[in-house]
Amino acid sequence: MPKPSRPDFLGFLALAAILAVMLGAYLVFPYLQAAMGYQDCIASGRVTGC
């Protein structure tokens, strides 16, 4: 009698990894946007009012 095969979790792990990356990007994006805006402000020469 053959042994029952284990359930394949590869699809679930791939979905979990994709969702984790999307959630991480969602949480980190405001900080990156603020840093890029600050760099743009300095690059344009407006040191005050940034």
Protein backbone atom coordinates (compact mmCIF):
# COMPACT_ATOMS: atom_id res chain seq x y z
CA MET A 1 0.00 0.00 0.00
CA PRO A 2 1.58 3.36 -1.02
CA LYS A 3 2.12 6.04 1.59
CA PRO A 4 -0.12 9.09 1.25
CA SER A 5 1.87 12.02 -0.11
CA ARG A 6 2.45 15.11 1.93
CA PRO A 7 0.48 18.21 1.01
CA ASP A 8 2.41 20.56 -1.26
CA PHE A 9 2.94 23.89 0.46
CA LEU A 10 5.00 25.51 -2.29
CA GLY A 11 2.08 27.49 -3.68
CA PHE A 12 1.04 28.65 -0.23
CA LEU A 13 4.61 29.68 0.64
CA ALA A 14 4.95 31.59 -2.64
CA LEU A 15 1.68 33.42 -1.99
CA ALA A 16 2.75 34.23 1.58
CA ALA A 17 6.11 35.56 0.33
CA ILE A 18 4.44 37.77 -2.28
CA LEU A 19 2.00 39.14 0.29
CA ALA A 20 4.84 39.77 2.75
CA VAL A 21 6.79 41.73 0.13
CA MET A 22 3.70 43.77 -0.75
CA LEU A 23 2.96 44.52 2.90
CA GLY A 24 6.58 45.50 3.53
CA ALA A 25 6.56 47.83 0.54
CA TYR A 26 3.29 49.37 1.74
CA LEU A 27 4.77 50.06 5.17
CA VAL A 28 8.16 51.34 3.96
CA PHE A 29 6.96 53.47 1.02
CA PRO A 30 6.07 56.63 3.05
CA TYR A 31 9.58 56.73 4.55
CA LEU A 32 11.22 56.33 1.14
CA GLN A 33 8.95 58.98 -0.35
CA ALA A 34 9.84 61.43 2.43
CA ALA A 35 13.56 60.76 2.00
CA MET A 36 13.37 61.23 -1.77
CA GLY A 37 11.39 64.45 -1.34
CA TYR A 38 14.01 65.77 1.06
CA GLN A 39 16.78 64.93 -1.43
CA ASP A 40 14.86 66.69 -4.20
CA CYS A 41 14.42 69.73 -1.99
CA ILE A 42 18.14 69.92 -1.25
CA ALA A 43 19.06 69.32 -4.89
CA SER A 44 16.87 72.20 -6.01
CA GLY A 45 18.72 74.56 -3.64
CA ARG A 46 15.83 75.24 -1.27
CA VAL A 47 17.54 74.43 1.99
CA THR A 48 15.00 76.36 4.03
CA GLY A 49 11.40 75.23 3.94
CA CYS A 50 12.13 71.56 3.28
